[in-house]
Amino acid sequence: MRAVVVNFRGGFRTRRGDEVIIRLLEKFEGSLIGRKVIWLNPRAGSKVIGKIVAAHGGACYRARFRSGLPGWAVGSSVEIL
């Protein structure tokens, strides 16, 4: 299943580099909380593994990654297993 990184989680003055908001590209009935998320780095060919930790509104979810994502990852796609 595919999703897009929409933004980083953050408040008025802070941003969390290890948590992002993702939006699904396909309709899905049910819960995705606890599933793994993989972001592929097109520049280095490496991958960063994370996990969906909470829902965020209607069609979005919050994902926490083991290491932080770079700022240019906003708008890129991720794979949900």
PDB file of N, CA and C in Angstrom:
ATOM      1  N   MET A   1       0.839  -1.158   0.000  1.00  0.00           N
ATOM      2  CA  MET A   1       0.000   0.000   0.000  1.00  0.00           C
ATOM      3  C   MET A   1       0.896   1.238   0.000  1.00  0.00           C
ATOM      4  N   ARG A   2       0.535   2.247  -0.763  1.00  0.00           N
ATOM      5  CA  ARG A   2       1.346   3.446  -0.919  1.00  0.00           C
ATOM      6  C   ARG A   2       0.754   4.605  -0.122  1.00  0.00           C
ATOM      7  N   ALA A   3       1.622   5.489   0.334  1.00  0.00           N
ATOM      8  CA  ALA A   3       1.221   6.706   1.041  1.00  0.00           C
ATOM      9  C   ALA A   3       2.235   7.790   0.721  1.00  0.00           C
ATOM     10  N   VAL A   4       1.897   9.034   1.077  1.00  0.00           N
ATOM     11  CA  VAL A   4       2.757  10.177   0.812  1.00  0.00           C
ATOM     12  C   VAL A   4       3.053  10.885   2.124  1.00  0.00           C
ATOM     13  N   VAL A   5       4.299  11.312   2.298  1.00  0.00           N
ATOM     14  CA  VAL A   5       4.682  12.094   3.472  1.00  0.00           C
ATOM     15  C   VAL A   5       4.142  13.505   3.277  1.00  0.00           C
ATOM     16  N   VAL A   6       3.260  13.934   4.185  1.00  0.00           N
ATOM     17  CA  VAL A   6       2.621  15.238   4.058  1.00  0.00           C
ATOM     18  C   VAL A   6       3.406  16.309   4.813  1.00  0.00           C
ATOM     19  N   ASN A   7       3.803  16.003   6.043  1.00  0.00           N
ATOM     20  CA  ASN A   7       4.486  16.990   6.867  1.00  0.00           C
ATOM     21  C   ASN A   7       5.128  16.287   8.049  1.00  0.00           C
ATOM     22  N   PHE A   8       5.963  17.016   8.748  1.00  0.00           N
ATOM     23  CA  PHE A   8       6.522  16.527  10.001  1.00  0.00           C
ATOM     24  C   PHE A   8       5.569  16.872  11.136  1.00  0.00           C
ATOM     25  N   ARG A   9       5.578  16.066  12.186  1.00  0.00           N
ATOM     26  CA  ARG A   9       4.783  16.381  13.355  1.00  0.00           C
ATOM     27  C   ARG A   9       5.466  17.512  14.101  1.00  0.00           C
ATOM     28  N   GLY A  10       4.689  18.490  14.512  1.00  0.00           N
ATOM     29  CA  GLY A  10       5.290  19.592  15.223  1.00  0.00           C
ATOM     30  C   GLY A  10       4.262  20.539  15.779  1.00  0.00           C
ATOM     31  N   GLY A  11       4.729  21.408  16.621  1.00  0.00           N
ATOM     32  CA  GLY A  11       3.885  22.418  17.215  1.00  0.00           C
ATOM     33  C   GLY A  11       4.212  23.787  16.667  1.00  0.00           C
ATOM     34  N   PHE A  12       3.896  24.782  17.442  1.00  0.00           N
ATOM     35  CA  PHE A  12       4.103  26.156  17.011  1.00  0.00           C
ATOM     36  C   PHE A  12       5.587  26.485  16.882  1.00  0.00           C
ATOM     37  N   ARG A  13       6.397  25.988  17.800  1.00  0.00           N
ATOM     38  CA  ARG A  13       7.820  26.326  17.788  1.00  0.00           C
ATOM     39  C   ARG A  13       8.737  25.134  17.552  1.00  0.00           C
ATOM     40  N   THR A  14       8.219  23.930  17.530  1.00  0.00           N
ATOM     41  CA  THR A  14       9.076  22.753  17.432  1.00  0.00           C
ATOM     42  C   THR A  14       8.661  21.854  16.278  1.00  0.00           C
ATOM     43  N   ARG A  15       9.588  21.071  15.794  1.00  0.00           N
ATOM     44  CA  ARG A  15       9.339  20.029  14.805  1.00  0.00           C
ATOM     45  C   ARG A  15      10.012  18.762  15.296  1.00  0.00           C
ATOM     46  N   ARG A  16       9.330  17.657  15.103  1.00  0.00           N
ATOM     47  CA  ARG A  16       9.921  16.365  15.454  1.00  0.00           C
ATOM     48  C   ARG A  16      10.408  15.714  14.171  1.00  0.00           C
ATOM     49  N   GLY A  17      11.686  15.435  14.095  1.00  0.00           N
ATOM     50  CA  GLY A  17      12.259  14.867  12.882  1.00  0.00           C
ATOM     51  C   GLY A  17      11.976  13.393  12.702  1.00  0.00           C
ATOM     52  N   ASP A  18      11.584  12.709  13.773  1.00  0.00           N
ATOM     53  CA  ASP A  18      11.363  11.268  13.662  1.00  0.00           C
ATOM     54  C   ASP A  18       9.893  10.904  13.475  1.00  0.00           C
ATOM     55  N   GLU A  19       8.971  11.872  13.530  1.00  0.00           N
ATOM     56  CA  GLU A  19       7.550  11.587  13.322  1.00  0.00           C
ATOM     57  C   GLU A  19       7.024  12.426  12.166  1.00  0.00           C
ATOM     58  N   VAL A  20       6.307  11.761  11.262  1.00  0.00           N
ATOM     59  CA  VAL A  20       5.742  12.439  10.103  1.00  0.00           C
ATOM     60  C   VAL A  20       4.258  12.102   9.985  1.00  0.00           C
ATOM     61  N   ILE A  21       3.553  12.950   9.260  1.00  0.00           N
ATOM     62  CA  ILE A  21       2.156  12.715   8.936  1.00  0.00           C
ATOM     63  C   ILE A  21       2.127  12.157   7.518  1.00  0.00           C
ATOM     64  N   ILE A  22       1.464  11.016   7.330  1.00  0.00           N
ATOM     65  CA  ILE A  22       1.365  10.406   6.006  1.00  0.00           C
ATOM     66  C   ILE A  22      -0.099  10.320   5.596  1.00  0.00           C
ATOM     67  N   ARG A  23      -0.346  10.473   4.304  1.00  0.00           N
ATOM     68  CA  ARG A  23      -1.698  10.373   3.751  1.00  0.00           C
ATOM     69  C   ARG A  23      -1.750   9.194   2.789  1.00  0.00           C
ATOM     70  N   LEU A  24      -2.776   8.364   2.939  1.00  0.00           N
ATOM     71  CA  LEU A  24      -2.931   7.194   2.078  1.00  0.00           C
ATOM     72  C   LEU A  24      -3.334   7.604   0.674  1.00  0.00           C
ATOM     73  N   LEU A  25      -2.840   6.876  -0.315  1.00  0.00           N
ATOM     74  CA  LEU A  25      -3.224   7.118  -1.703  1.00  0.00           C
ATOM     75  C   LEU A  25      -4.377   6.233  -2.130  1.00  0.00           C
ATOM     76  N   GLU A  26      -4.690   5.223  -1.334  1.00  0.00           N
ATOM     77  CA  GLU A  26      -5.765   4.289  -1.644  1.00  0.00           C
ATOM     78  C   GLU A  26      -6.747   4.247  -0.485  1.00  0.00           C
ATOM     79  N   LYS A  27      -7.964   3.860  -0.773  1.00  0.00           N
ATOM     80  CA  LYS A  27      -8.950   3.682   0.285  1.00  0.00           C
ATOM     81  C   LYS A  27      -8.626   2.409   1.058  1.00  0.00           C
ATOM     82  N   PHE A  28      -8.790   2.478   2.377  1.00  0.00           N
ATOM     83  CA  PHE A  28      -8.543   1.306   3.215  1.00  0.00           C
ATOM     84  C   PHE A  28      -9.536   1.319   4.362  1.00  0.00           C
ATOM     85  N   GLU A  29     -10.229   0.235   4.541  1.00  0.00           N
ATOM     86  CA  GLU A  29     -11.173   0.077   5.639  1.00  0.00           C
ATOM     87  C   GLU A  29     -10.485  -0.686   6.756  1.00  0.00           C
ATOM     88  N   GLY A  30     -10.438  -0.104   7.919  1.00  0.00           N
ATOM     89  CA  GLY A  30      -9.802  -0.761   9.049  1.00  0.00           C
ATOM     90  C   GLY A  30      -8.677   0.084   9.611  1.00  0.00           C
ATOM     91  N   SER A  31      -7.943  -0.489  10.519  1.00  0.00           N
ATOM     92  CA  SER A  31      -6.884   0.240  11.202  1.00  0.00           C
ATOM     93  C   SER A  31      -5.509  -0.170  10.674  1.00  0.00           C
ATOM     94  N   LEU A  32      -4.646   0.795  10.535  1.00  0.00           N
ATOM     95  CA  LEU A  32      -3.274   0.531  10.103  1.00  0.00           C
ATOM     96  C   LEU A  32      -2.277   0.688  11.241  1.00  0.00           C
ATOM     97  N   ILE A  33      -2.760   0.988  12.429  1.00  0.00           N
ATOM     98  CA  ILE A  33      -1.869   1.250  13.559  1.00  0.00           C
ATOM     99  C   ILE A  33      -1.088  -0.014  13.891  1.00  0.00           C
ATOM    100  N   GLY A  34       0.228   0.133  14.000  1.00  0.00           N
ATOM    101  CA  GLY A  34       1.111  -0.986  14.286  1.00  0.00           C
ATOM    102  C   GLY A  34       1.808  -1.546  13.062  1.00  0.00           C
ATOM    103  N   ARG A  35       1.400  -1.152  11.870  1.00  0.00           N
ATOM    104  CA  ARG A  35       2.045  -1.659  10.659  1.00  0.00           C
ATOM    105  C   ARG A  35       3.356  -0.938  10.398  1.00  0.00           C
ATOM    106  N   LYS A  36       4.250  -1.604   9.673  1.00  0.00           N
ATOM    107  CA  LYS A  36       5.552  -1.033   9.349  1.00  0.00           C
ATOM    108  C   LYS A  36       5.450  -0.125   8.132  1.00  0.00           C
ATOM    109  N   VAL A  37       6.301   0.894   8.134  1.00  0.00           N
ATOM    110  CA  VAL A  37       6.388   1.861   7.044  1.00  0.00           C
ATOM    111  C   VAL A  37       7.842   1.908   6.596  1.00  0.00           C
ATOM    112  N   ILE A  38       8.059   1.906   5.278  1.00  0.00           N
ATOM    113  CA  ILE A  38       9.415   1.960   4.733  1.00  0.00           C
ATOM    114  C   ILE A  38       9.525   3.150   3.792  1.00  0.00           C
ATOM    115  N   TRP A  39      10.512   3.994   4.049  1.00  0.00           N
ATOM    116  CA  TRP A  39      10.828   5.116   3.161  1.00  0.00           C
ATOM    117  C   TRP A  39      12.145   4.800   2.476  1.00  0.00           C
ATOM    118  N   LEU A  40      12.134   4.802   1.147  1.00  0.00           N
ATOM    119  CA  LEU A  40      13.342   4.525   0.376  1.00  0.00           C
ATOM    120  C   LEU A  40      14.018   5.834   0.012  1.00  0.00           C
ATOM    121  N   ASN A  41      15.298   5.936   0.316  1.00  0.00           N
ATOM    122  CA  ASN A  41      16.081   7.126   0.001  1.00  0.00           C
ATOM    123  C   ASN A  41      16.560   7.019  -1.441  1.00  0.00           C
ATOM    124  N   PRO A  42      16.053   7.858  -2.336  1.00  0.00           N
ATOM    125  CA  PRO A  42      16.466   7.739  -3.739  1.00  0.00           C
ATOM    126  C   PRO A  42      17.898   8.200  -3.984  1.00  0.00           C
ATOM    127  N   ARG A  43      18.443   9.020  -3.102  1.00  0.00           N
ATOM    128  CA  ARG A  43      19.796   9.530  -3.305  1.00  0.00           C
ATOM    129  C   ARG A  43      20.855   8.525  -2.891  1.00  0.00           C
ATOM    130  N   ALA A  44      20.644   7.846  -1.762  1.00  0.00           N
ATOM    131  CA  ALA A  44      21.651   6.912  -1.254  1.00  0.00           C
ATOM    132  C   ALA A  44      21.281   5.455  -1.492  1.00  0.00           C
ATOM    133  N   GLY A  45      20.029   5.181  -1.815  1.00  0.00           N
ATOM    134  CA  GLY A  45      19.601   3.806  -2.016  1.00  0.00           C
ATOM    135  C   GLY A  45      19.318   3.060  -0.730  1.00  0.00           C
ATOM    136  N   SER A  46      19.344   3.752   0.396  1.00  0.00           N
ATOM    137  CA  SER A  46      19.072   3.104   1.674  1.00  0.00           C
ATOM    138  C   SER A  46      17.592   3.218   2.015  1.00  0.00           C
ATOM    139  N   LYS A  47      17.198   2.567   3.102  1.00  0.00           N
ATOM    140  CA  LYS A  47      15.805   2.653   3.526  1.00  0.00           C
ATOM    141  C   LYS A  47      15.739   2.937   5.015  1.00  0.00           C
ATOM    142  N   VAL A  48      14.674   3.626   5.414  1.00  0.00           N
ATOM    143  CA  VAL A  48      14.421   3.959   6.803  1.00  0.00           C
ATOM    144  C   VAL A  48      13.109   3.288   7.189  1.00  0.00           C
ATOM    145  N   ILE A  49      13.130   2.551   8.285  1.00  0.00           N
ATOM    146  CA  ILE A  49      11.963   1.769   8.711  1.00  0.00           C
ATOM    147  C   ILE A  49      11.284   2.466   9.874  1.00  0.00           C
ATOM    148  N   GLY A  50       9.966   2.492   9.837  1.00  0.00           N
ATOM    149  CA  GLY A  50       9.189   3.103  10.900  1.00  0.00           C
ATOM    150  C   GLY A  50       7.937   2.303  11.185  1.00  0.00           C
ATOM    151  N   LYS A  51       7.059   2.888  12.001  1.00  0.00           N
ATOM    152  CA  LYS A  51       5.838   2.215  12.401  1.00  0.00           C
ATOM    153  C   LYS A  51       4.730   3.250  12.530  1.00  0.00           C
ATOM    154  N   ILE A  52       3.519   2.892  12.132  1.00  0.00           N
ATOM    155  CA  ILE A  52       2.369   3.774  12.295  1.00  0.00           C
ATOM    156  C   ILE A  52       1.932   3.706  13.748  1.00  0.00           C
ATOM    157  N   VAL A  53       1.856   4.871  14.393  1.00  0.00           N
ATOM    158  CA  VAL A  53       1.576   4.902  15.831  1.00  0.00           C
ATOM    159  C   VAL A  53       0.204   5.463  16.169  1.00  0.00           C
ATOM    160  N   ALA A  54      -0.406   6.265  15.291  1.00  0.00           N
ATOM    161  CA  ALA A  54      -1.696   6.863  15.623  1.00  0.00           C
ATOM    162  C   ALA A  54      -2.375   7.365  14.356  1.00  0.00           C
ATOM    163  N   ALA A  55      -3.683   7.543  14.453  1.00  0.00           N
ATOM    164  CA  ALA A  55      -4.440   8.172  13.375  1.00  0.00           C
ATOM    165  C   ALA A  55      -4.298   9.680  13.510  1.00  0.00           C
ATOM    166  N   HIS A  56      -4.471  10.380  12.383  1.00  0.00           N
ATOM    167  CA  HIS A  56      -4.345  11.839  12.397  1.00  0.00           C
ATOM    168  C   HIS A  56      -5.426  12.387  11.466  1.00  0.00           C
ATOM    169  N   GLY A  57      -6.586  12.615  12.003  1.00  0.00           N
ATOM    170  CA  GLY A  57      -7.682  13.113  11.183  1.00  0.00           C
ATOM    171  C   GLY A  57      -8.372  11.990  10.436  1.00  0.00           C
ATOM    172  N   GLY A  58      -8.916  12.303   9.268  1.00  0.00           N
ATOM    173  CA  GLY A  58      -9.701  11.330   8.516  1.00  0.00           C
ATOM    174  C   GLY A  58      -8.877  10.315   7.751  1.00  0.00           C
ATOM    175  N   ALA A  59      -8.027  10.779   6.844  1.00  0.00           N
ATOM    176  CA  ALA A  59      -7.300   9.869   5.965  1.00  0.00           C
ATOM    177  C   ALA A  59      -5.805   9.849   6.232  1.00  0.00           C
ATOM    178  N   CYS A  60      -5.364  10.475   7.297  1.00  0.00           N
ATOM    179  CA  CYS A  60      -3.930  10.565   7.579  1.00  0.00           C
ATOM    180  C   CYS A  60      -3.561   9.745   8.813  1.00  0.00           C
ATOM    181  N   TYR A  61      -2.303   9.386   8.884  1.00  0.00           N
ATOM    182  CA  TYR A  61      -1.762   8.650  10.025  1.00  0.00           C
ATOM    183  C   TYR A  61      -0.448   9.288  10.443  1.00  0.00           C
ATOM    184  N   ARG A  62      -0.047   9.019  11.680  1.00  0.00           N
ATOM    185  CA  ARG A  62       1.230   9.493  12.199  1.00  0.00           C
ATOM    186  C   ARG A  62       2.183   8.306  12.264  1.00  0.00           C
ATOM    187  N   ALA A  63       3.354   8.462  11.666  1.00  0.00           N
ATOM    188  CA  ALA A  63       4.342   7.385  11.635  1.00  0.00           C
ATOM    189  C   ALA A  63       5.606   7.844  12.343  1.00  0.00           C
ATOM    190  N   ARG A  64       6.174   6.959  13.150  1.00  0.00           N
ATOM    191  CA  ARG A  64       7.418   7.241  13.855  1.00  0.00           C
ATOM    192  C   ARG A  64       8.511   6.370  13.257  1.00  0.00           C
ATOM    193  N   PHE A  65       9.601   7.007  12.849  1.00  0.00           N
ATOM    194  CA  PHE A  65      10.710   6.292  12.230  1.00  0.00           C
ATOM    195  C   PHE A  65      11.836   6.102  13.232  1.00  0.00           C
ATOM    196  N   ARG A  66      12.666   5.095  13.004  1.00  0.00           N
ATOM    197  CA  ARG A  66      13.779   4.800  13.914  1.00  0.00           C
ATOM    198  C   ARG A  66      14.802   5.925  13.916  1.00  0.00           C
ATOM    199  N   SER A  67      15.105   6.427  12.746  1.00  0.00           N
ATOM    200  CA  SER A  67      15.953   7.618  12.651  1.00  0.00           C
ATOM    201  C   SER A  67      15.161   8.670  11.898  1.00  0.00           C
ATOM    202  N   GLY A  68      15.526   9.907  12.055  1.00  0.00           N
ATOM    203  CA  GLY A  68      14.760  10.981  11.442  1.00  0.00           C
ATOM    204  C   GLY A  68      14.869  10.997   9.926  1.00  0.00           C
ATOM    205  N   LEU A  69      13.848  11.540   9.284  1.00  0.00           N
ATOM    206  CA  LEU A  69      13.862  11.715   7.841  1.00  0.00           C
ATOM    207  C   LEU A  69      14.429  13.092   7.508  1.00  0.00           C
ATOM    208  N   PRO A  70      15.052  13.234   6.348  1.00  0.00           N
ATOM    209  CA  PRO A  70      15.524  14.557   5.951  1.00  0.00           C
ATOM    210  C   PRO A  70      14.356  15.457   5.576  1.00  0.00           C
ATOM    211  N   GLY A  71      14.594  16.746   5.543  1.00  0.00           N
ATOM    212  CA  GLY A  71      13.531  17.691   5.237  1.00  0.00           C
ATOM    213  C   GLY A  71      12.993  17.561   3.832  1.00  0.00           C
ATOM    214  N   TRP A  72      13.816  17.127   2.893  1.00  0.00           N
ATOM    215  CA  TRP A  72      13.359  16.990   1.519  1.00  0.00           C
ATOM    216  C   TRP A  72      12.522  15.730   1.297  1.00  0.00           C
ATOM    217  N   ALA A  73      12.250  14.970   2.354  1.00  0.00           N
ATOM    218  CA  ALA A  73      11.410  13.777   2.232  1.00  0.00           C
ATOM    219  C   ALA A  73       9.925  14.124   2.161  1.00  0.00           C
ATOM    220  N   VAL A  74       9.562  15.368   2.484  1.00  0.00           N
ATOM    221  CA  VAL A  74       8.161  15.786   2.400  1.00  0.00           C
ATOM    222  C   VAL A  74       7.724  15.746   0.944  1.00  0.00           C
ATOM    223  N   GLY A  75       6.629  15.066   0.684  1.00  0.00           N
ATOM    224  CA  GLY A  75       6.131  14.891  -0.671  1.00  0.00           C
ATOM    225  C   GLY A  75       6.554  13.596  -1.317  1.00  0.00           C
ATOM    226  N   SER A  76       7.466  12.865  -0.703  1.00  0.00           N
ATOM    227  CA  SER A  76       7.902  11.584  -1.259  1.00  0.00           C
ATOM    228  C   SER A  76       6.971  10.466  -0.809  1.00  0.00           C
ATOM    229  N   SER A  77       7.082   9.338  -1.434  1.00  0.00           N
ATOM    230  CA  SER A  77       6.182   8.222  -1.133  1.00  0.00           C
ATOM    231  C   SER A  77       6.817   7.248  -0.166  1.00  0.00           C
ATOM    232  N   VAL A  78       5.964   6.547   0.576  1.00  0.00           N
ATOM    233  CA  VAL A  78       6.388   5.495   1.493  1.00  0.00           C
ATOM    234  C   VAL A  78       5.551   4.253   1.213  1.00  0.00           C
ATOM    235  N   GLU A  79       6.065   3.131   1.625  1.00  0.00           N
ATOM    236  CA  GLU A  79       5.389   1.849   1.450  1.00  0.00           C
ATOM    237  C   GLU A  79       4.933   1.343   2.802  1.00  0.00           C
ATOM    238  N   ILE A  80       3.654   0.958   2.902  1.00  0.00           N
ATOM    239  CA  ILE A  80       3.097   0.408   4.145  1.00  0.00           C
ATOM    240  C   ILE A  80       2.970  -1.098   3.967  1.00  0.00           C
ATOM    241  N   LEU A  81       3.554  -1.844   4.887  1.00  0.00           N
ATOM    242  CA  LEU A  81       3.513  -3.310   4.809  1.00  0.00           C
ATOM    243  C   LEU A  81       2.378  -3.851   5.644  1.00  0.00           C
TER     244      LEU A  81
END
